[in-house]
Amino acid sequence: ELHLRRVTNVYDIVLLDCPPLLNVSCVNALAASDFVLVPTMPSKQSADRVVTLVRRVKDLHQSVNPALGVMGIFGNRTRQSALTADERAILTGLRDKCLDVYGHAVPLFETFIRQSADVRTSEEE
């Protein structure tokens, strides 16, 4: 449905926000998508999950959706208004890890979303 002219003529971008697990709904969203934008917390556990996701995107690209690609990765819930050295190292390390899994470079956006009380409050509301 998302690729029909009645949709593509009206919208430039359709953003499908999925939970950080590959359930049936997420796989269906990836099957309908052109790109994946990956927010990740700058932690080792979160970075490891990004590598798994990129591997799955590659598999889906080969088996379900040849148009699917990774647009890029960006930091989410960072500690301060600038990345700490540890946060930057974790995010930068994803480039090499994703290159090994995906076969080509995955962009790492300079933009990040820092953690704030306002975001937590809005999540609760």
PDB file of N, CA and C in Angstrom:
ATOM      1  N   GLU A   1       0.812  -1.204   0.000  1.00  0.00           N
ATOM      2  CA  GLU A   1       0.000   0.000   0.000  1.00  0.00           C
ATOM      3  C   GLU A   1       0.853   1.264   0.000  1.00  0.00           C
ATOM      4  N   LEU A   2       1.959   1.262   0.745  1.00  0.00           N
ATOM      5  CA  LEU A   2       2.778   2.471   0.864  1.00  0.00           C
ATOM      6  C   LEU A   2       3.449   2.856  -0.447  1.00  0.00           C
ATOM      7  N   HIS A   3       3.576   1.932  -1.367  1.00  0.00           N
ATOM      8  CA  HIS A   3       4.242   2.218  -2.634  1.00  0.00           C
ATOM      9  C   HIS A   3       3.261   2.575  -3.756  1.00  0.00           C
ATOM     10  N   LEU A   4       1.984   2.598  -3.462  1.00  0.00           N
ATOM     11  CA  LEU A   4       0.985   2.974  -4.470  1.00  0.00           C
ATOM     12  C   LEU A   4       1.038   4.474  -4.739  1.00  0.00           C
ATOM     13  N   ARG A   5       0.736   4.853  -5.961  1.00  0.00           N
ATOM     14  CA  ARG A   5       0.793   6.270  -6.350  1.00  0.00           C
ATOM     15  C   ARG A   5      -0.110   7.146  -5.490  1.00  0.00           C
ATOM     16  N   ARG A   6      -1.250   6.610  -5.059  1.00  0.00           N
ATOM     17  CA  ARG A   6      -2.157   7.436  -4.244  1.00  0.00           C
ATOM     18  C   ARG A   6      -1.519   7.813  -2.911  1.00  0.00           C
ATOM     19  N   VAL A   7      -0.533   7.071  -2.480  1.00  0.00           N
ATOM     20  CA  VAL A   7       0.205   7.406  -1.263  1.00  0.00           C
ATOM     21  C   VAL A   7       1.459   8.209  -1.606  1.00  0.00           C
ATOM     22  N   THR A   8       2.237   7.726  -2.575  1.00  0.00           N
ATOM     23  CA  THR A   8       3.506   8.387  -2.905  1.00  0.00           C
ATOM     24  C   THR A   8       3.316   9.769  -3.506  1.00  0.00           C
ATOM     25  N   ASN A   9       2.168  10.022  -4.131  1.00  0.00           N
ATOM     26  CA  ASN A   9       1.901  11.361  -4.679  1.00  0.00           C
ATOM     27  C   ASN A   9       1.529  12.371  -3.603  1.00  0.00           C
ATOM     28  N   VAL A  10       1.105  11.883  -2.455  1.00  0.00           N
ATOM     29  CA  VAL A  10       0.668  12.774  -1.375  1.00  0.00           C
ATOM     30  C   VAL A  10       1.781  13.006  -0.344  1.00  0.00           C
ATOM     31  N   TYR A  11       2.591  11.983  -0.091  1.00  0.00           N
ATOM     32  CA  TYR A  11       3.592  12.064   0.970  1.00  0.00           C
ATOM     33  C   TYR A  11       5.003  11.920   0.406  1.00  0.00           C
ATOM     34  N   ASP A  12       5.915  12.749   0.897  1.00  0.00           N
ATOM     35  CA  ASP A  12       7.320  12.610   0.535  1.00  0.00           C
ATOM     36  C   ASP A  12       7.986  11.533   1.387  1.00  0.00           C
ATOM     37  N   ILE A  13       7.594  11.476   2.656  1.00  0.00           N
ATOM     38  CA  ILE A  13       8.186  10.528   3.604  1.00  0.00           C
ATOM     39  C   ILE A  13       7.079   9.941   4.471  1.00  0.00           C
ATOM     40  N   VAL A  14       7.131   8.644   4.669  1.00  0.00           N
ATOM     41  CA  VAL A  14       6.266   7.976   5.632  1.00  0.00           C
ATOM     42  C   VAL A  14       7.205   7.332   6.645  1.00  0.00           C
ATOM     43  N   LEU A  15       7.077   7.726   7.888  1.00  0.00           N
ATOM     44  CA  LEU A  15       7.943   7.213   8.941  1.00  0.00           C
ATOM     45  C   LEU A  15       7.186   6.156   9.737  1.00  0.00           C
ATOM     46  N   LEU A  16       7.732   4.950   9.774  1.00  0.00           N
ATOM     47  CA  LEU A  16       7.149   3.857  10.544  1.00  0.00           C
ATOM     48  C   LEU A  16       8.035   3.643  11.765  1.00  0.00           C
ATOM     49  N   ASP A  17       7.524   3.951  12.932  1.00  0.00           N
ATOM     50  CA  ASP A  17       8.291   3.831  14.167  1.00  0.00           C
ATOM     51  C   ASP A  17       7.989   2.473  14.780  1.00  0.00           C
ATOM     52  N   CYS A  18       9.009   1.627  14.860  1.00  0.00           N
ATOM     53  CA  CYS A  18       8.838   0.267  15.361  1.00  0.00           C
ATOM     54  C   CYS A  18       9.590   0.077  16.672  1.00  0.00           C
ATOM     55  N   PRO A  19       9.134  -0.853  17.494  1.00  0.00           N
ATOM     56  CA  PRO A  19       9.861  -1.153  18.727  1.00  0.00           C
ATOM     57  C   PRO A  19      11.200  -1.812  18.390  1.00  0.00           C
ATOM     58  N   PRO A  20      12.122  -1.818  19.324  1.00  0.00           N
ATOM     59  CA  PRO A  20      13.453  -2.363  19.047  1.00  0.00           C
ATOM     60  C   PRO A  20      13.528  -3.889  19.102  1.00  0.00           C
ATOM     61  N   LEU A  21      12.550  -4.542  18.523  1.00  0.00           N
ATOM     62  CA  LEU A  21      12.596  -5.991  18.403  1.00  0.00           C
ATOM     63  C   LEU A  21      11.940  -6.382  17.093  1.00  0.00           C
ATOM     64  N   LEU A  22      12.411  -7.457  16.513  1.00  0.00           N
ATOM     65  CA  LEU A  22      11.901  -7.861  15.208  1.00  0.00           C
ATOM     66  C   LEU A  22      10.731  -8.827  15.360  1.00  0.00           C
ATOM     67  N   ASN A  23       9.551  -8.256  15.547  1.00  0.00           N
ATOM     68  CA  ASN A  23       8.355  -9.075  15.575  1.00  0.00           C
ATOM     69  C   ASN A  23       7.703  -9.012  14.188  1.00  0.00           C
ATOM     70  N   VAL A  24       6.554  -9.608  14.021  1.00  0.00           N
ATOM     71  CA  VAL A  24       5.892  -9.661  12.719  1.00  0.00           C
ATOM     72  C   VAL A  24       5.584  -8.257  12.201  1.00  0.00           C
ATOM     73  N   SER A  25       5.129  -7.370  13.064  1.00  0.00           N
ATOM     74  CA  SER A  25       4.818  -6.002  12.634  1.00  0.00           C
ATOM     75  C   SER A  25       6.062  -5.279  12.133  1.00  0.00           C
ATOM     76  N   CYS A  26       7.170  -5.454  12.817  1.00  0.00           N
ATOM     77  CA  CYS A  26       8.414  -4.807  12.417  1.00  0.00           C
ATOM     78  C   CYS A  26       8.911  -5.368  11.087  1.00  0.00           C
ATOM     79  N   VAL A  27       8.842  -6.671  10.907  1.00  0.00           N
ATOM     80  CA  VAL A  27       9.266  -7.278   9.643  1.00  0.00           C
ATOM     81  C   VAL A  27       8.381  -6.778   8.503  1.00  0.00           C
ATOM     82  N   ASN A  28       7.079  -6.657   8.743  1.00  0.00           N
ATOM     83  CA  ASN A  28       6.177  -6.118   7.721  1.00  0.00           C
ATOM     84  C   ASN A  28       6.531  -4.668   7.388  1.00  0.00           C
ATOM     85  N   ALA A  29       6.871  -3.881   8.400  1.00  0.00           N
ATOM     86  CA  ALA A  29       7.275  -2.496   8.157  1.00  0.00           C
ATOM     87  C   ALA A  29       8.560  -2.452   7.332  1.00  0.00           C
ATOM     88  N   LEU A  30       9.506  -3.326   7.633  1.00  0.00           N
ATOM     89  CA  LEU A  30      10.752  -3.372   6.871  1.00  0.00           C
ATOM     90  C   LEU A  30      10.511  -3.841   5.436  1.00  0.00           C
ATOM     91  N   ALA A  31       9.569  -4.736   5.252  1.00  0.00           N
ATOM     92  CA  ALA A  31       9.234  -5.202   3.903  1.00  0.00           C
ATOM     93  C   ALA A  31       8.639  -4.075   3.068  1.00  0.00           C
ATOM     94  N   ALA A  32       7.979  -3.126   3.707  1.00  0.00           N
ATOM     95  CA  ALA A  32       7.347  -2.011   3.000  1.00  0.00           C
ATOM     96  C   ALA A  32       8.249  -0.792   2.886  1.00  0.00           C
ATOM     97  N   SER A  33       9.422  -0.832   3.488  1.00  0.00           N
ATOM     98  CA  SER A  33      10.281   0.344   3.592  1.00  0.00           C
ATOM     99  C   SER A  33      11.359   0.388   2.522  1.00  0.00           C
ATOM    100  N   ASP A  34      11.852   1.602   2.310  1.00  0.00           N
ATOM    101  CA  ASP A  34      13.007   1.795   1.440  1.00  0.00           C
ATOM    102  C   ASP A  34      14.287   1.876   2.269  1.00  0.00           C
ATOM    103  N   PHE A  35      14.176   2.478   3.451  1.00  0.00           N
ATOM    104  CA  PHE A  35      15.346   2.691   4.306  1.00  0.00           C
ATOM    105  C   PHE A  35      15.011   2.439   5.759  1.00  0.00           C
ATOM    106  N   VAL A  36      16.060   2.142   6.519  1.00  0.00           N
ATOM    107  CA  VAL A  36      15.966   1.998   7.966  1.00  0.00           C
ATOM    108  C   VAL A  36      16.839   3.079   8.594  1.00  0.00           C
ATOM    109  N   LEU A  37      16.277   3.803   9.529  1.00  0.00           N
ATOM    110  CA  LEU A  37      17.000   4.797  10.313  1.00  0.00           C
ATOM    111  C   LEU A  37      17.091   4.227  11.718  1.00  0.00           C
ATOM    112  N   VAL A  38      18.317   4.073  12.234  1.00  0.00           N
ATOM    113  CA  VAL A  38      18.526   3.328  13.469  1.00  0.00           C
ATOM    114  C   VAL A  38      18.949   4.248  14.615  1.00  0.00           C
ATOM    115  N   PRO A  39      18.044   4.547  15.546  1.00  0.00           N
ATOM    116  CA  PRO A  39      18.457   5.257  16.759  1.00  0.00           C
ATOM    117  C   PRO A  39      19.032   4.242  17.744  1.00  0.00           C
ATOM    118  N   THR A  40      20.099   4.624  18.417  1.00  0.00           N
ATOM    119  CA  THR A  40      20.675   3.705  19.396  1.00  0.00           C
ATOM    120  C   THR A  40      21.254   4.474  20.569  1.00  0.00           C
ATOM    121  N   MET A  41      21.071   3.923  21.742  1.00  0.00           N
ATOM    122  CA  MET A  41      21.720   4.506  22.906  1.00  0.00           C
ATOM    123  C   MET A  41      23.205   4.177  22.823  1.00  0.00           C
ATOM    124  N   PRO A  42      24.068   5.089  23.209  1.00  0.00           N
ATOM    125  CA  PRO A  42      25.499   4.832  23.133  1.00  0.00           C
ATOM    126  C   PRO A  42      25.988   3.961  24.295  1.00  0.00           C
ATOM    127  N   SER A  43      25.561   2.713  24.268  1.00  0.00           N
ATOM    128  CA  SER A  43      25.992   1.738  25.269  1.00  0.00           C
ATOM    129  C   SER A  43      26.404   0.469  24.529  1.00  0.00           C
ATOM    130  N   LYS A  44      27.207  -0.359  25.171  1.00  0.00           N
ATOM    131  CA  LYS A  44      27.674  -1.579  24.520  1.00  0.00           C
ATOM    132  C   LYS A  44      26.512  -2.498  24.153  1.00  0.00           C
ATOM    133  N   GLN A  45      25.577  -2.687  25.066  1.00  0.00           N
ATOM    134  CA  GLN A  45      24.437  -3.571  24.796  1.00  0.00           C
ATOM    135  C   GLN A  45      23.607  -3.067  23.621  1.00  0.00           C
ATOM    136  N   SER A  46      23.315  -1.786  23.602  1.00  0.00           N
ATOM    137  CA  SER A  46      22.528  -1.217  22.520  1.00  0.00           C
ATOM    138  C   SER A  46      23.278  -1.320  21.195  1.00  0.00           C
ATOM    139  N   ALA A  47      24.578  -1.039  21.210  1.00  0.00           N
ATOM    140  CA  ALA A  47      25.388  -1.128  19.987  1.00  0.00           C
ATOM    141  C   ALA A  47      25.415  -2.560  19.464  1.00  0.00           C
ATOM    142  N   ASP A  48      25.482  -3.534  20.347  1.00  0.00           N
ATOM    143  CA  ASP A  48      25.460  -4.933  19.909  1.00  0.00           C
ATOM    144  C   ASP A  48      24.140  -5.273  19.223  1.00  0.00           C
ATOM    145  N   ARG A  49      23.042  -4.700  19.709  1.00  0.00           N
ATOM    146  CA  ARG A  49      21.737  -4.946  19.088  1.00  0.00           C
ATOM    147  C   ARG A  49      21.648  -4.300  17.703  1.00  0.00           C
ATOM    148  N   VAL A  50      22.346  -3.179  17.504  1.00  0.00           N
ATOM    149  CA  VAL A  50      22.370  -2.533  16.190  1.00  0.00           C
ATOM    150  C   VAL A  50      23.006  -3.466  15.167  1.00  0.00           C
ATOM    151  N   VAL A  51      24.086  -4.108  15.544  1.00  0.00           N
ATOM    152  CA  VAL A  51      24.766  -5.030  14.633  1.00  0.00           C
ATOM    153  C   VAL A  51      23.818  -6.166  14.241  1.00  0.00           C
ATOM    154  N   THR A  52      23.078  -6.690  15.208  1.00  0.00           N
ATOM    155  CA  THR A  52      22.094  -7.740  14.922  1.00  0.00           C
ATOM    156  C   THR A  52      21.019  -7.222  13.980  1.00  0.00           C
ATOM    157  N   LEU A  53      20.523  -6.010  14.216  1.00  0.00           N
ATOM    158  CA  LEU A  53      19.505  -5.434  13.348  1.00  0.00           C
ATOM    159  C   LEU A  53      20.034  -5.258  11.924  1.00  0.00           C
ATOM    160  N   VAL A  54      21.244  -4.747  11.782  1.00  0.00           N
ATOM    161  CA  VAL A  54      21.830  -4.540  10.456  1.00  0.00           C
ATOM    162  C   VAL A  54      21.975  -5.885   9.729  1.00  0.00           C
ATOM    163  N   ARG A  55      22.342  -6.925  10.449  1.00  0.00           N
ATOM    164  CA  ARG A  55      22.428  -8.266   9.850  1.00  0.00           C
ATOM    165  C   ARG A  55      21.046  -8.709   9.358  1.00  0.00           C
ATOM    166  N   ARG A  56      20.015  -8.464  10.150  1.00  0.00           N
ATOM    167  CA  ARG A  56      18.659  -8.836   9.744  1.00  0.00           C
ATOM    168  C   ARG A  56      18.178  -8.012   8.548  1.00  0.00           C
ATOM    169  N   VAL A  57      18.532  -6.733   8.535  1.00  0.00           N
ATOM    170  CA  VAL A  57      18.168  -5.879   7.387  1.00  0.00           C
ATOM    171  C   VAL A  57      18.823  -6.421   6.124  1.00  0.00           C
ATOM    172  N   LYS A  58      20.058  -6.827   6.220  1.00  0.00           N
ATOM    173  CA  LYS A  58      20.748  -7.411   5.066  1.00  0.00           C
ATOM    174  C   LYS A  58      20.021  -8.677   4.603  1.00  0.00           C
ATOM    175  N   ASP A  59      19.628  -9.526   5.538  1.00  0.00           N
ATOM    176  CA  ASP A  59      18.898 -10.744   5.189  1.00  0.00           C
ATOM    177  C   ASP A  59      17.569 -10.410   4.516  1.00  0.00           C
ATOM    178  N   LEU A  60      16.838  -9.438   5.067  1.00  0.00           N
ATOM    179  CA  LEU A  60      15.556  -9.041   4.480  1.00  0.00           C
ATOM    180  C   LEU A  60      15.757  -8.403   3.107  1.00  0.00           C
ATOM    181  N   HIS A  61      16.837  -7.672   2.943  1.00  0.00           N
ATOM    182  CA  HIS A  61      17.164  -7.083   1.645  1.00  0.00           C
ATOM    183  C   HIS A  61      17.325  -8.192   0.598  1.00  0.00           C
ATOM    184  N   GLN A  62      17.968  -9.266   0.989  1.00  0.00           N
ATOM    185  CA  GLN A  62      18.233 -10.357   0.053  1.00  0.00           C
ATOM    186  C   GLN A  62      17.014 -11.237  -0.193  1.00  0.00           C
ATOM    187  N   SER A  63      16.142 -11.384   0.816  1.00  0.00           N
ATOM    188  CA  SER A  63      15.050 -12.345   0.682  1.00  0.00           C
ATOM    189  C   SER A  63      13.660 -11.733   0.483  1.00  0.00           C
ATOM    190  N   VAL A  64      13.418 -10.547   1.014  1.00  0.00           N
ATOM    191  CA  VAL A  64      12.060  -9.997   1.009  1.00  0.00           C
ATOM    192  C   VAL A  64      11.950  -8.673   0.269  1.00  0.00           C
ATOM    193  N   ASN A  65      12.910  -7.770   0.492  1.00  0.00           N
ATOM    194  CA  ASN A  65      12.786  -6.414  -0.037  1.00  0.00           C
ATOM    195  C   ASN A  65      14.131  -5.926  -0.579  1.00  0.00           C
ATOM    196  N   PRO A  66      14.373  -6.112  -1.871  1.00  0.00           N
ATOM    197  CA  PRO A  66      15.655  -5.697  -2.446  1.00  0.00           C
ATOM    198  C   PRO A  66      15.881  -4.187  -2.432  1.00  0.00           C
ATOM    199  N   ALA A  67      14.843  -3.399  -2.155  1.00  0.00           N
ATOM    200  CA  ALA A  67      14.981  -1.937  -2.091  1.00  0.00           C
ATOM    201  C   ALA A  67      15.403  -1.455  -0.701  1.00  0.00           C
ATOM    202  N   LEU A  68      15.416  -2.351   0.272  1.00  0.00           N
ATOM    203  CA  LEU A  68      15.682  -1.967   1.658  1.00  0.00           C
ATOM    204  C   LEU A  68      17.160  -1.670   1.892  1.00  0.00           C
ATOM    205  N   GLY A  69      17.432  -0.533   2.517  1.00  0.00           N
ATOM    206  CA  GLY A  69      18.792  -0.164   2.856  1.00  0.00           C
ATOM    207  C   GLY A  69      18.836   0.527   4.207  1.00  0.00           C
ATOM    208  N   VAL A  70      20.015   0.677   4.749  1.00  0.00           N
ATOM    209  CA  VAL A  70      20.190   1.377   6.023  1.00  0.00           C
ATOM    210  C   VAL A  70      20.574   2.817   5.727  1.00  0.00           C
ATOM    211  N   MET A  71      19.706   3.748   6.109  1.00  0.00           N
ATOM    212  CA  MET A  71      19.979   5.166   5.893  1.00  0.00           C
ATOM    213  C   MET A  71      21.093   5.650   6.805  1.00  0.00           C
ATOM    214  N   GLY A  72      21.094   5.165   8.045  1.00  0.00           N
ATOM    215  CA  GLY A  72      22.128   5.566   8.974  1.00  0.00           C
ATOM    216  C   GLY A  72      21.761   5.279  10.413  1.00  0.00           C
ATOM    217  N   ILE A  73      22.723   5.568  11.273  1.00  0.00           N
ATOM    218  CA  ILE A  73      22.602   5.345  12.718  1.00  0.00           C
ATOM    219  C   ILE A  73      22.803   6.679  13.412  1.00  0.00           C
ATOM    220  N   PHE A  74      22.037   6.917  14.471  1.00  0.00           N
ATOM    221  CA  PHE A  74      22.262   8.118  15.273  1.00  0.00           C
ATOM    222  C   PHE A  74      22.103   7.808  16.749  1.00  0.00           C
ATOM    223  N   GLY A  75      22.800   8.586  17.562  1.00  0.00           N
ATOM    224  CA  GLY A  75      22.752   8.412  19.008  1.00  0.00           C
ATOM    225  C   GLY A  75      21.454   8.926  19.594  1.00  0.00           C
ATOM    226  N   ASN A  76      20.938   8.195  20.554  1.00  0.00           N
ATOM    227  CA  ASN A  76      19.692   8.544  21.212  1.00  0.00           C
ATOM    228  C   ASN A  76      19.899   8.394  22.722  1.00  0.00           C
ATOM    229  N   ARG A  77      19.301   9.294  23.474  1.00  0.00           N
ATOM    230  CA  ARG A  77      19.416   9.283  24.939  1.00  0.00           C
ATOM    231  C   ARG A  77      20.858   9.448  25.401  1.00  0.00           C
ATOM    232  N   THR A  78      21.560  10.395  24.787  1.00  0.00           N
ATOM    233  CA  THR A  78      22.923  10.685  25.216  1.00  0.00           C
ATOM    234  C   THR A  78      22.867  11.470  26.521  1.00  0.00           C
ATOM    235  N   ARG A  79      23.980  11.519  27.226  1.00  0.00           N
ATOM    236  CA  ARG A  79      23.981  12.082  28.579  1.00  0.00           C
ATOM    237  C   ARG A  79      23.989  13.606  28.621  1.00  0.00           C
ATOM    238  N   GLN A  80      24.681  14.237  27.677  1.00  0.00           N
ATOM    239  CA  GLN A  80      24.867  15.690  27.739  1.00  0.00           C
ATOM    240  C   GLN A  80      24.545  16.310  26.387  1.00  0.00           C
ATOM    241  N   SER A  81      24.723  17.630  26.281  1.00  0.00           N
ATOM    242  CA  SER A  81      24.462  18.305  25.018  1.00  0.00           C
ATOM    243  C   SER A  81      25.549  18.025  23.988  1.00  0.00           C
ATOM    244  N   ALA A  82      26.676  17.472  24.415  1.00  0.00           N
ATOM    245  CA  ALA A  82      27.729  16.999  23.513  1.00  0.00           C
ATOM    246  C   ALA A  82      28.035  15.552  23.900  1.00  0.00           C
ATOM    247  N   LEU A  83      28.430  14.752  22.919  1.00  0.00           N
ATOM    248  CA  LEU A  83      28.753  13.361  23.221  1.00  0.00           C
ATOM    249  C   LEU A  83      29.994  13.277  24.103  1.00  0.00           C
ATOM    250  N   THR A  84      29.960  12.380  25.072  1.00  0.00           N
ATOM    251  CA  THR A  84      31.166  12.123  25.857  1.00  0.00           C
ATOM    252  C   THR A  84      32.132  11.311  24.981  1.00  0.00           C
ATOM    253  N   ALA A  85      33.373  11.220  25.390  1.00  0.00           N
ATOM    254  CA  ALA A  85      34.363  10.443  24.635  1.00  0.00           C
ATOM    255  C   ALA A  85      33.936   8.978  24.540  1.00  0.00           C
ATOM    256  N   ASP A  86      33.394   8.432  25.620  1.00  0.00           N
ATOM    257  CA  ASP A  86      32.942   7.040  25.614  1.00  0.00           C
ATOM    258  C   ASP A  86      31.766   6.842  24.656  1.00  0.00           C
ATOM    259  N   GLU A  87      30.794   7.768  24.693  1.00  0.00           N
ATOM    260  CA  GLU A  87      29.640   7.665  23.797  1.00  0.00           C
ATOM    261  C   GLU A  87      30.085   7.739  22.338  1.00  0.00           C
ATOM    262  N   ARG A  88      30.975   8.684  22.027  1.00  0.00           N
ATOM    263  CA  ARG A  88      31.467   8.826  20.653  1.00  0.00           C
ATOM    264  C   ARG A  88      32.207   7.568  20.211  1.00  0.00           C
ATOM    265  N   ALA A  89      33.008   6.985  21.102  1.00  0.00           N
ATOM    266  CA  ALA A  89      33.762   5.772  20.770  1.00  0.00           C
ATOM    267  C   ALA A  89      32.818   4.604  20.475  1.00  0.00           C
ATOM    268  N   ILE A  90      31.774   4.470  21.257  1.00  0.00           N
ATOM    269  CA  ILE A  90      30.808   3.384  21.035  1.00  0.00           C
ATOM    270  C   ILE A  90      30.110   3.562  19.694  1.00  0.00           C
ATOM    271  N   LEU A  91      29.641   4.777  19.414  1.00  0.00           N
ATOM    272  CA  LEU A  91      28.940   5.025  18.156  1.00  0.00           C
ATOM    273  C   LEU A  91      29.877   4.885  16.960  1.00  0.00           C
ATOM    274  N   THR A  92      31.073   5.385  17.070  1.00  0.00           N
ATOM    275  CA  THR A  92      32.037   5.286  15.975  1.00  0.00           C
ATOM    276  C   THR A  92      32.429   3.823  15.738  1.00  0.00           C
ATOM    277  N   GLY A  93      32.522   3.053  16.809  1.00  0.00           N
ATOM    278  CA  GLY A  93      32.841   1.635  16.681  1.00  0.00           C
ATOM    279  C   GLY A  93      31.810   0.863  15.883  1.00  0.00           C
ATOM    280  N   LEU A  94      30.589   1.378  15.832  1.00  0.00           N
ATOM    281  CA  LEU A  94      29.547   0.716  15.056  1.00  0.00           C
ATOM    282  C   LEU A  94      29.858   0.719  13.559  1.00  0.00           C
ATOM    283  N   ARG A  95      30.585   1.728  13.099  1.00  0.00           N
ATOM    284  CA  ARG A  95      30.927   1.773  11.669  1.00  0.00           C
ATOM    285  C   ARG A  95      31.641   0.500  11.233  1.00  0.00           C
ATOM    286  N   ASP A  96      32.688   0.133  11.965  1.00  0.00           N
ATOM    287  CA  ASP A  96      33.460  -1.059  11.601  1.00  0.00           C
ATOM    288  C   ASP A  96      32.637  -2.329  11.771  1.00  0.00           C
ATOM    289  N   LYS A  97      31.898  -2.416  12.867  1.00  0.00           N
ATOM    290  CA  LYS A  97      31.096  -3.613  13.117  1.00  0.00           C
ATOM    291  C   LYS A  97      30.027  -3.800  12.040  1.00  0.00           C
ATOM    292  N   CYS A  98      29.368  -2.704  11.656  1.00  0.00           N
ATOM    293  CA  CYS A  98      28.323  -2.789  10.635  1.00  0.00           C
ATOM    294  C   CYS A  98      28.921  -3.054   9.264  1.00  0.00           C
ATOM    295  N   LEU A  99      30.096  -2.514   8.997  1.00  0.00           N
ATOM    296  CA  LEU A  99      30.777  -2.776   7.729  1.00  0.00           C
ATOM    297  C   LEU A  99      31.061  -4.268   7.586  1.00  0.00           C
ATOM    298  N   ASP A 100      31.518  -4.891   8.655  1.00  0.00           N
ATOM    299  CA  ASP A 100      31.798  -6.328   8.623  1.00  0.00           C
ATOM    300  C   ASP A 100      30.536  -7.142   8.339  1.00  0.00           C
ATOM    301  N   VAL A 101      29.407  -6.724   8.898  1.00  0.00           N
ATOM    302  CA  VAL A 101      28.160  -7.471   8.771  1.00  0.00           C
ATOM    303  C   VAL A 101      27.414  -7.112   7.481  1.00  0.00           C
ATOM    304  N   TYR A 102      27.353  -5.833   7.155  1.00  0.00           N
ATOM    305  CA  TYR A 102      26.513  -5.343   6.058  1.00  0.00           C
ATOM    306  C   TYR A 102      27.226  -5.397   4.711  1.00  0.00           C
ATOM    307  N   GLY A 103      28.542  -5.320   4.736  1.00  0.00           N
ATOM    308  CA  GLY A 103      29.286  -5.395   3.499  1.00  0.00           C
ATOM    309  C   GLY A 103      29.685  -4.050   2.930  1.00  0.00           C
ATOM    310  N   HIS A 104      29.077  -2.986   3.415  1.00  0.00           N
ATOM    311  CA  HIS A 104      29.505  -1.634   3.046  1.00  0.00           C
ATOM    312  C   HIS A 104      29.194  -0.687   4.187  1.00  0.00           C
ATOM    313  N   ALA A 105      29.713   0.515   4.081  1.00  0.00           N
ATOM    314  CA  ALA A 105      29.610   1.474   5.190  1.00  0.00           C
ATOM    315  C   ALA A 105      28.155   1.823   5.498  1.00  0.00           C
ATOM    316  N   VAL A 106      27.870   1.944   6.770  1.00  0.00           N
ATOM    317  CA  VAL A 106      26.577   2.432   7.253  1.00  0.00           C
ATOM    318  C   VAL A 106      26.836   3.819   7.834  1.00  0.00           C
ATOM    319  N   PRO A 107      26.172   4.855   7.299  1.00  0.00           N
ATOM    320  CA  PRO A 107      26.441   6.216   7.796  1.00  0.00           C
ATOM    321  C   PRO A 107      26.122   6.375   9.276  1.00  0.00           C
ATOM    322  N   LEU A 108      26.941   7.162   9.926  1.00  0.00           N
ATOM    323  CA  LEU A 108      26.735   7.527  11.329  1.00  0.00           C
ATOM    324  C   LEU A 108      26.455   9.025  11.350  1.00  0.00           C
ATOM    325  N   PHE A 109      25.232   9.396  11.693  1.00  0.00           N
ATOM    326  CA  PHE A 109      24.853  10.801  11.702  1.00  0.00           C
ATOM    327  C   PHE A 109      25.511  11.538  12.861  1.00  0.00           C
ATOM    328  N   GLU A 110      25.885  12.767  12.622  1.00  0.00           N
ATOM    329  CA  GLU A 110      26.459  13.609  13.676  1.00  0.00           C
ATOM    330  C   GLU A 110      25.378  14.057  14.662  1.00  0.00           C
ATOM    331  N   THR A 111      24.143  14.105  14.213  1.00  0.00           N
ATOM    332  CA  THR A 111      23.032  14.520  15.058  1.00  0.00           C
ATOM    333  C   THR A 111      22.721  13.428  16.082  1.00  0.00           C
ATOM    334  N   PHE A 112      22.381  13.845  17.282  1.00  0.00           N
ATOM    335  CA  PHE A 112      21.986  12.893  18.314  1.00  0.00           C
ATOM    336  C   PHE A 112      20.892  13.528  19.159  1.00  0.00           C
ATOM    337  N   ILE A 113      20.191  12.689  19.891  1.00  0.00           N
ATOM    338  CA  ILE A 113      19.108  13.162  20.759  1.00  0.00           C
ATOM    339  C   ILE A 113      19.518  12.887  22.194  1.00  0.00           C
ATOM    340  N   ARG A 114      19.678  13.953  22.942  1.00  0.00           N
ATOM    341  CA  ARG A 114      20.107  13.732  24.320  1.00  0.00           C
ATOM    342  C   ARG A 114      18.907  13.415  25.204  1.00  0.00           C
ATOM    343  N   GLN A 115      19.184  12.703  26.255  1.00  0.00           N
ATOM    344  CA  GLN A 115      18.147  12.327  27.208  1.00  0.00           C
ATOM    345  C   GLN A 115      17.714  13.569  27.964  1.00  0.00           C
ATOM    346  N   SER A 116      16.428  13.730  28.134  1.00  0.00           N
ATOM    347  CA  SER A 116      15.953  14.871  28.901  1.00  0.00           C
ATOM    348  C   SER A 116      14.722  14.472  29.691  1.00  0.00           C
ATOM    349  N   ALA A 117      14.482  15.193  30.742  1.00  0.00           N
ATOM    350  CA  ALA A 117      13.292  14.941  31.567  1.00  0.00           C
ATOM    351  C   ALA A 117      12.025  15.194  30.764  1.00  0.00           C
ATOM    352  N   ASP A 118      12.064  16.159  29.830  1.00  0.00           N
ATOM    353  CA  ASP A 118      10.886  16.448  29.017  1.00  0.00           C
ATOM    354  C   ASP A 118      10.495  15.254  28.148  1.00  0.00           C
ATOM    355  N   VAL A 119      11.480  14.565  27.596  1.00  0.00           N
ATOM    356  CA  VAL A 119      11.190  13.395  26.778  1.00  0.00           C
ATOM    357  C   VAL A 119      10.573  12.295  27.627  1.00  0.00           C
ATOM    358  N   ARG A 120      11.142  12.041  28.799  1.00  0.00           N
ATOM    359  CA  ARG A 120      10.578  11.027  29.693  1.00  0.00           C
ATOM    360  C   ARG A 120       9.158  11.384  30.104  1.00  0.00           C
ATOM    361  N   THR A 121       8.907  12.661  30.384  1.00  0.00           N
ATOM    362  CA  THR A 121       7.567  13.097  30.771  1.00  0.00           C
ATOM    363  C   THR A 121       6.583  12.879  29.626  1.00  0.00           C
ATOM    364  N   SER A 122       6.985  13.220  28.419  1.00  0.00           N
ATOM    365  CA  SER A 122       6.086  13.053  27.266  1.00  0.00           C
ATOM    366  C   SER A 122       5.793  11.570  27.003  1.00  0.00           C
ATOM    367  N   GLU A 123       6.785  10.693  27.245  1.00  0.00           N
ATOM    368  CA  GLU A 123       6.549   9.262  27.100  1.00  0.00           C
ATOM    369  C   GLU A 123       5.477   8.784  28.058  1.00  0.00           C
ATOM    370  N   GLU A 124       5.492   9.320  29.277  1.00  0.00           N
ATOM    371  CA  GLU A 124       4.512   8.903  30.283  1.00  0.00           C
ATOM    372  C   GLU A 124       3.134   9.433  29.981  1.00  0.00           C
ATOM    373  N   GLU A 125       3.058  10.585  29.347  1.00  0.00           N
ATOM    374  CA  GLU A 125       1.755  11.172  29.010  1.00  0.00           C
ATOM    375  C   GLU A 125       1.168  10.503  27.812  1.00  0.00           C
TER     376      GLU A 125
END
